[in-house]
Amino acid sequence: MYQKHRQLRLLILFFLIITFNSCSSKYQGTFEVIKYHLSENKWPCIVKFEDKNYFVIDYIRKYYDGKLIAYQGCASEGIYTDDFEKNGKYSKEDEEVKQLLISKTRNQITFFNKIYNIQRVNKDSIYVKLIDKDEYYIFIGNIPE
């Protein structure tokens, strides 16, 4: 009888471990998404490009283990920051992207069910261009395939 209880406990423990591993996030560590666009005008959040254009940073979203933890956006007078770990309140827009959803194939990134062609890869950074727009994303961190 003791042997059967022991086997049952081991079997339950085994299934709990499998369940826990399957429910855990597939995203580990820090991940950042930077959205920017090209402009000839100076804004508060810019990076100069080719002496006549500027990369204007629209926003930076920071994720940790797949959960949105911070947002930094370009405002008219500087950088606006939301720290979700401290205040815990998400805007409607941030609520939709609170849980990271991204994957990578050989030449494409699927980011929240939209597919983008990879323009360039530099170590842990991947650059993509939004279709028919002068807007870009930089994905920084490990992306599962």
Protein backbone atom coordinates (compact mmCIF):
# COMPACT_ATOMS: atom_id res chain seq x y z
CA MET A 1 0.00 0.00 0.00
CA TYR A 2 2.83 2.39 0.91
CA GLN A 3 4.48 1.65 -2.46
CA LYS A 4 1.32 2.62 -4.38
CA HIS A 5 0.97 5.90 -2.45
CA ARG A 6 4.59 6.72 -3.18
CA GLN A 7 4.14 5.99 -6.90
CA LEU A 8 0.97 8.09 -6.98
CA ARG A 9 2.74 11.03 -5.30
CA LEU A 10 5.63 10.80 -7.77
CA LEU A 11 3.20 10.67 -10.68
CA ILE A 12 1.31 13.73 -9.39
CA LEU A 13 4.59 15.59 -8.86
CA PHE A 14 5.70 14.70 -12.39
CA PHE A 15 2.47 16.09 -13.90
CA LEU A 16 2.68 19.23 -11.77
CA ILE A 17 6.20 19.88 -13.04
CA ILE A 18 5.07 19.40 -16.66
CA THR A 19 2.07 21.69 -16.12
CA PHE A 20 4.19 24.36 -14.44
CA ASN A 21 6.78 24.32 -17.25
CA SER A 22 4.14 24.52 -19.96
CA CYS A 23 2.42 27.49 -18.26
CA SER A 24 5.60 29.47 -17.65
CA SER A 25 6.54 32.26 -20.05
CA LYS A 26 8.67 31.35 -23.04
CA TYR A 27 10.23 34.81 -22.85
CA GLN A 28 13.11 35.02 -20.43
CA GLY A 29 14.85 38.18 -19.29
CA THR A 30 14.66 41.72 -20.60
CA PHE A 31 13.23 42.58 -24.00
CA GLU A 32 12.74 46.04 -25.53
CA VAL A 33 10.72 47.33 -28.45
CA ILE A 34 11.66 50.72 -29.89
CA LYS A 35 9.39 52.36 -32.45
CA TYR A 36 10.71 55.32 -34.42
CA HIS A 37 10.18 57.21 -37.67
CA LEU A 38 12.24 59.40 -39.98
CA SER A 39 11.71 63.15 -39.99
CA GLU A 40 13.38 66.30 -41.27
CA ASN A 41 12.19 68.17 -38.18
CA LYS A 42 13.81 68.22 -34.77
CA TRP A 43 11.82 66.71 -31.93
CA PRO A 44 12.80 66.29 -28.28
CA CYS A 45 13.65 62.59 -28.75
CA ILE A 46 15.85 62.37 -31.85
CA VAL A 47 18.96 60.73 -33.24
CA LYS A 48 20.59 62.59 -36.15
CA PHE A 49 20.80 60.55 -39.36
CA GLU A 50 22.72 61.41 -42.55
CA ASP A 51 23.02 65.13 -41.65
CA LYS A 52 19.50 65.96 -42.87
CA ASN A 53 17.12 63.44 -41.35
CA TYR A 54 16.38 62.50 -37.77
CA PHE A 55 15.23 59.29 -36.18
CA VAL A 56 12.37 60.38 -33.94
CA ILE A 57 11.77 57.89 -31.14
CA ASP A 58 8.01 57.38 -30.75
CA TYR A 59 8.21 55.03 -27.79
CA ILE A 60 10.14 52.32 -26.02
CA ARG A 61 8.35 49.42 -24.36
CA LYS A 62 10.31 47.32 -21.87
CA TYR A 63 9.30 43.76 -21.06
CA TYR A 64 10.62 41.41 -18.41
CA ASP A 65 9.87 37.68 -18.75
CA GLY A 66 7.21 38.57 -21.32
CA LYS A 67 5.34 41.12 -19.19
CA LEU A 68 5.26 44.86 -19.97
CA ILE A 69 7.04 46.66 -17.13
CA ALA A 70 7.74 50.14 -18.52
CA TYR A 71 6.81 52.56 -21.28
CA GLN A 72 8.79 55.60 -22.40
CA GLY A 73 7.30 57.91 -24.99
CA CYS A 74 8.33 61.11 -26.64
CA ALA A 75 6.26 64.06 -25.44
CA SER A 76 6.43 67.68 -26.59
CA GLU A 77 8.77 68.66 -23.76
CA GLY A 78 10.79 65.50 -23.29
CA ILE A 79 10.34 61.87 -22.34
CA TYR A 80 7.20 60.54 -20.67
CA THR A 81 7.71 57.42 -18.53
CA ASP A 82 5.25 54.89 -17.09
CA ASP A 83 6.63 52.34 -14.63
CA PHE A 84 4.01 49.58 -14.44
CA GLU A 85 5.86 47.68 -11.73
CA LYS A 86 5.41 50.60 -9.34
CA ASN A 87 1.94 51.92 -10.17
CA GLY A 88 0.42 48.84 -11.85
CA LYS A 89 -2.03 50.85 -14.00
CA TYR A 90 -2.04 50.18 -17.72
CA SER A 91 -3.60 52.47 -20.33
CA LYS A 92 -6.02 50.94 -22.83
CA GLU A 93 -3.28 50.86 -25.47
CA ASP A 94 -0.76 49.29 -23.09
CA GLU A 95 -3.31 46.75 -21.85
CA GLU A 96 -3.46 45.31 -25.38
CA VAL A 97 0.30 44.68 -25.43
CA LYS A 98 0.79 43.86 -21.76
CA GLN A 99 1.82 40.25 -22.48
CA LEU A 100 4.55 40.01 -25.12
CA LEU A 101 3.61 38.11 -28.27
CA ILE A 102 6.50 37.80 -30.71
CA SER A 103 8.20 35.08 -32.73
CA LYS A 104 10.85 34.87 -35.41
CA THR A 105 11.33 32.84 -38.55
CA ARG A 106 14.27 33.03 -40.88
CA ASN A 107 13.34 36.35 -42.56
CA GLN A 108 10.30 37.58 -40.64
CA ILE A 109 9.11 38.73 -37.24
CA THR A 110 5.55 38.13 -36.08
CA PHE A 111 4.75 40.83 -33.55
CA PHE A 112 1.23 40.78 -32.06
CA ASN A 113 -0.07 38.83 -35.07
CA LYS A 114 1.41 41.24 -37.65
CA ILE A 115 4.21 40.02 -39.88
CA TYR A 116 7.24 42.21 -40.65
CA ASN A 117 10.20 41.50 -42.91
CA ILE A 118 13.57 41.66 -41.16
CA GLN A 119 15.68 44.49 -42.60
CA ARG A 120 18.82 44.01 -40.54
CA VAL A 121 20.19 41.96 -37.64
CA ASN A 122 22.92 43.19 -35.29
CA LYS A 123 23.75 40.76 -32.46
CA ASP A 124 20.62 40.81 -30.25
CA SER A 125 18.87 43.62 -32.19
CA ILE A 126 16.52 43.12 -35.13
CA TYR A 127 15.39 46.02 -37.33
CA VAL A 128 12.13 45.96 -39.29
CA LYS A 129 10.29 48.54 -41.40
CA LEU A 130 6.54 48.92 -41.22
CA ILE A 131 4.96 48.34 -44.61
CA ASP A 132 4.17 51.49 -46.64
CA LYS A 133 5.36 53.82 -43.87
CA ASP A 134 8.57 55.46 -42.78
CA GLU A 135 8.18 53.84 -39.38
CA TYR A 136 10.48 51.24 -37.92
CA TYR A 137 10.82 48.84 -35.00
CA ILE A 138 13.96 47.73 -33.24
CA PHE A 139 13.55 44.54 -31.21
CA ILE A 140 16.26 44.06 -28.60
CA GLY A 141 16.55 40.72 -26.82
CA ASN A 142 16.08 37.02 -27.48
CA ILE A 143 13.13 36.10 -29.66
CA PRO A 144 11.91 32.50 -29.67
CA GLU A 145 11.58 30.81 -33.05
